[in-house]
Amino acid sequence: MDFRIMGLDAPLFNTLQHMMDASDHEADKSFNAPTRTYVRDAKAMASTPADVKEYPNSYAFVIDMPGLKSGDIKVQVEDDNVLVISGERKRGEEKEGAKYVRMERRVGKFMRKFVLPENANTDAISAVCQDGVLTVTVEKLPPPEPKKPKTIEVKIA
């Protein structure tokens, strides 16, 4: 509401107008701001590179996971067609008296999401982590049978 339009141009009304404009701006800003979870997930996804391969009968998702145990990795299917690979890399145990001179290996949460194609069989997914490389294999569904023409018997009356 603009108080100047109604002929109320006093300093008090100007201050009220300014406060209302500022609160509208702040509400828009907070409403449109990404949540902490979204920012954390976006960072985790950006720092987890993956290779995706297509074979005649399957899809393979390959992600480097050096030093992780199977309990640190989670493979899930969300919404019937989204493959989610996530987990957490923890910092190693620190010995007393030791301090980092340089720390370049990434620690923390990681995650990748892949929308699976229509022919992916979400009931036939396997995951194997070998030599620090996670391979998630999603089998393909067999192609649908071509529809045969339906023959209708013609009756003569």
Protein backbone atom coordinates (compact mmCIF):
# COMPACT_ATOMS: atom_id res chain seq x y z
CA MET A 1 0.00 0.00 0.00
CA ASP A 2 1.41 3.40 -0.97
CA PHE A 3 0.49 6.09 1.60
CA ARG A 4 1.60 8.91 -0.76
CA ILE A 5 -1.26 8.10 -3.14
CA MET A 6 -3.75 8.75 -0.34
CA GLY A 7 -2.21 12.19 0.29
CA LEU A 8 -0.44 11.09 3.47
CA ASP A 9 3.12 12.28 2.93
CA ALA A 10 4.19 12.81 6.54
CA PRO A 11 7.54 11.42 7.83
CA LEU A 12 5.71 8.82 9.92
CA PHE A 13 3.91 7.47 6.88
CA ASN A 14 7.14 7.51 4.86
CA THR A 15 8.79 5.40 7.57
CA LEU A 16 5.87 2.97 7.58
CA GLN A 17 6.07 2.73 3.77
CA HIS A 18 9.80 2.02 3.95
CA MET A 19 9.28 -0.70 6.59
CA MET A 20 6.53 -2.37 4.55
CA ASP A 21 8.68 -2.30 1.39
CA ALA A 22 11.66 -3.75 3.28
CA SER A 23 9.60 -6.54 4.85
CA ASP A 24 8.19 -7.49 1.42
CA HIS A 25 11.70 -7.63 0.01
CA GLU A 26 12.99 -9.71 2.94
CA ALA A 27 10.05 -12.12 2.65
CA ASP A 28 10.73 -12.62 -1.06
CA LYS A 29 14.42 -13.10 -0.38
CA SER A 30 13.90 -15.72 2.34
CA PHE A 31 11.14 -17.47 0.39
CA ASN A 32 13.28 -17.80 -2.74
CA ALA A 33 16.51 -18.67 -0.93
CA PRO A 34 17.69 -22.29 -1.22
CA THR A 35 17.49 -24.39 1.91
CA ARG A 36 20.60 -25.63 3.69
CA THR A 37 19.77 -29.18 2.67
CA TYR A 38 19.53 -28.17 -0.99
CA VAL A 39 22.88 -26.35 -0.86
CA ARG A 40 24.55 -29.28 0.91
CA ASP A 41 23.13 -31.77 -1.62
CA ALA A 42 24.14 -29.59 -4.57
CA LYS A 43 27.73 -29.37 -3.28
CA ALA A 44 27.82 -33.12 -2.67
CA MET A 45 26.56 -33.82 -6.19
CA ALA A 46 28.98 -31.40 -7.82
CA SER A 47 31.97 -33.00 -6.15
CA THR A 48 31.11 -36.63 -6.96
CA PRO A 49 32.12 -37.41 -10.55
CA ALA A 50 30.62 -40.48 -12.22
CA ASP A 51 30.82 -42.40 -15.48
CA VAL A 52 27.64 -43.84 -17.01
CA LYS A 53 27.92 -46.64 -19.55
CA GLU A 54 25.21 -48.31 -21.63
CA TYR A 55 25.54 -51.95 -22.60
CA PRO A 56 23.12 -53.98 -24.73
CA ASN A 57 21.41 -55.44 -21.63
CA SER A 58 22.23 -52.95 -18.85
CA TYR A 59 23.41 -49.56 -17.65
CA ALA A 60 26.50 -49.16 -15.44
CA PHE A 61 27.20 -46.25 -13.10
CA VAL A 62 30.86 -46.08 -12.04
CA ILE A 63 32.08 -43.85 -9.19
CA ASP A 64 35.48 -43.73 -7.49
CA MET A 65 35.13 -44.42 -3.76
CA PRO A 66 38.65 -44.92 -2.41
CA GLY A 67 38.89 -45.96 1.22
CA LEU A 68 35.16 -46.43 1.79
CA LYS A 69 33.54 -49.48 3.34
CA SER A 70 30.22 -50.89 2.18
CA GLY A 71 28.53 -49.41 5.25
CA ASP A 72 29.59 -45.92 4.14
CA ILE A 73 27.78 -46.22 0.77
CA LYS A 74 24.02 -46.23 0.18
CA VAL A 75 22.33 -47.11 -3.14
CA GLN A 76 18.58 -46.42 -3.40
CA VAL A 77 15.81 -45.94 -5.96
CA GLU A 78 13.45 -43.01 -5.33
CA ASP A 79 10.18 -42.27 -7.12
CA ASP A 80 10.47 -45.54 -9.11
CA ASN A 81 13.01 -44.08 -11.57
CA VAL A 82 15.70 -42.06 -9.73
CA LEU A 83 18.90 -43.87 -8.75
CA VAL A 84 20.52 -42.24 -5.70
CA ILE A 85 24.08 -43.09 -4.69
CA SER A 86 25.13 -41.42 -1.44
CA GLY A 87 27.27 -41.78 1.62
CA GLU A 88 29.93 -40.16 3.70
CA ARG A 89 33.72 -40.19 3.70
CA LYS A 90 35.01 -39.65 7.22
CA ARG A 91 38.35 -38.23 8.21
CA GLY A 92 40.81 -40.90 9.37
CA GLU A 93 41.73 -41.31 12.98
CA GLU A 94 44.26 -38.75 14.08
CA LYS A 95 47.22 -39.85 16.15
CA GLU A 96 48.17 -37.73 19.10
CA GLY A 97 50.73 -35.09 18.20
CA ALA A 98 50.04 -35.28 14.46
CA LYS A 99 48.80 -32.23 12.55
CA TYR A 100 47.90 -31.69 8.94
CA VAL A 101 50.47 -29.89 6.82
CA ARG A 102 48.19 -30.21 3.77
CA MET A 103 44.72 -31.71 3.44
CA GLU A 104 43.52 -32.26 -0.13
CA ARG A 105 41.42 -35.40 0.04
CA ARG A 106 37.74 -34.64 0.26
CA VAL A 107 35.80 -35.66 3.36
CA GLY A 108 32.11 -35.33 4.07
CA LYS A 109 28.88 -36.32 2.39
CA PHE A 110 28.61 -37.24 -1.26
CA MET A 111 25.60 -37.93 -3.44
CA ARG A 112 24.61 -38.41 -7.06
CA LYS A 113 21.14 -38.76 -8.55
CA PHE A 114 20.42 -40.26 -11.96
CA VAL A 115 17.02 -40.36 -13.66
CA LEU A 116 16.75 -43.86 -15.07
CA PRO A 117 15.38 -44.44 -18.57
CA GLU A 118 11.99 -46.09 -19.07
CA ASN A 119 13.56 -49.43 -19.97
CA ALA A 120 15.51 -49.70 -16.69
CA ASN A 121 14.52 -52.63 -14.50
CA THR A 122 14.55 -51.15 -11.00
CA ASP A 123 13.98 -54.64 -9.55
CA ALA A 124 17.30 -55.86 -10.99
CA ILE A 125 19.97 -53.52 -9.57
CA SER A 126 23.29 -54.68 -8.19
CA ALA A 127 26.17 -52.75 -6.61
CA VAL A 128 29.77 -53.89 -6.20
CA CYS A 129 32.67 -51.91 -4.74
CA GLN A 130 36.04 -53.31 -5.75
CA ASP A 131 39.45 -51.66 -5.43
CA GLY A 132 37.83 -48.35 -4.47
CA VAL A 133 35.52 -48.25 -7.49
CA LEU A 134 31.74 -48.59 -7.04
CA THR A 135 29.87 -50.08 -9.99
CA VAL A 136 26.07 -50.01 -9.88
CA THR A 137 24.48 -52.11 -12.62
CA VAL A 138 20.86 -51.60 -13.66
CA GLU A 139 19.49 -54.28 -15.96
CA LYS A 140 17.34 -53.28 -18.93
CA LEU A 141 13.79 -54.53 -19.39
CA PRO A 142 13.25 -56.66 -22.50
CA PRO A 143 11.77 -54.70 -25.39
CA PRO A 144 7.98 -54.89 -25.53
CA GLU A 145 6.45 -57.44 -27.86
CA PRO A 146 5.18 -55.87 -31.06
CA LYS A 147 1.40 -55.78 -31.05
CA LYS A 148 -0.18 -58.19 -33.45
CA PRO A 149 -3.22 -57.08 -35.40
CA LYS A 150 -6.47 -58.22 -33.86
CA THR A 151 -8.73 -60.09 -36.23
CA ILE A 152 -12.43 -59.65 -35.78
CA GLU A 153 -14.84 -62.21 -37.15
CA VAL A 154 -17.42 -60.77 -39.48
CA LYS A 155 -20.88 -62.24 -39.07
CA ILE A 156 -23.26 -62.28 -41.98
CA ALA A 157 -26.85 -61.68 -41.03
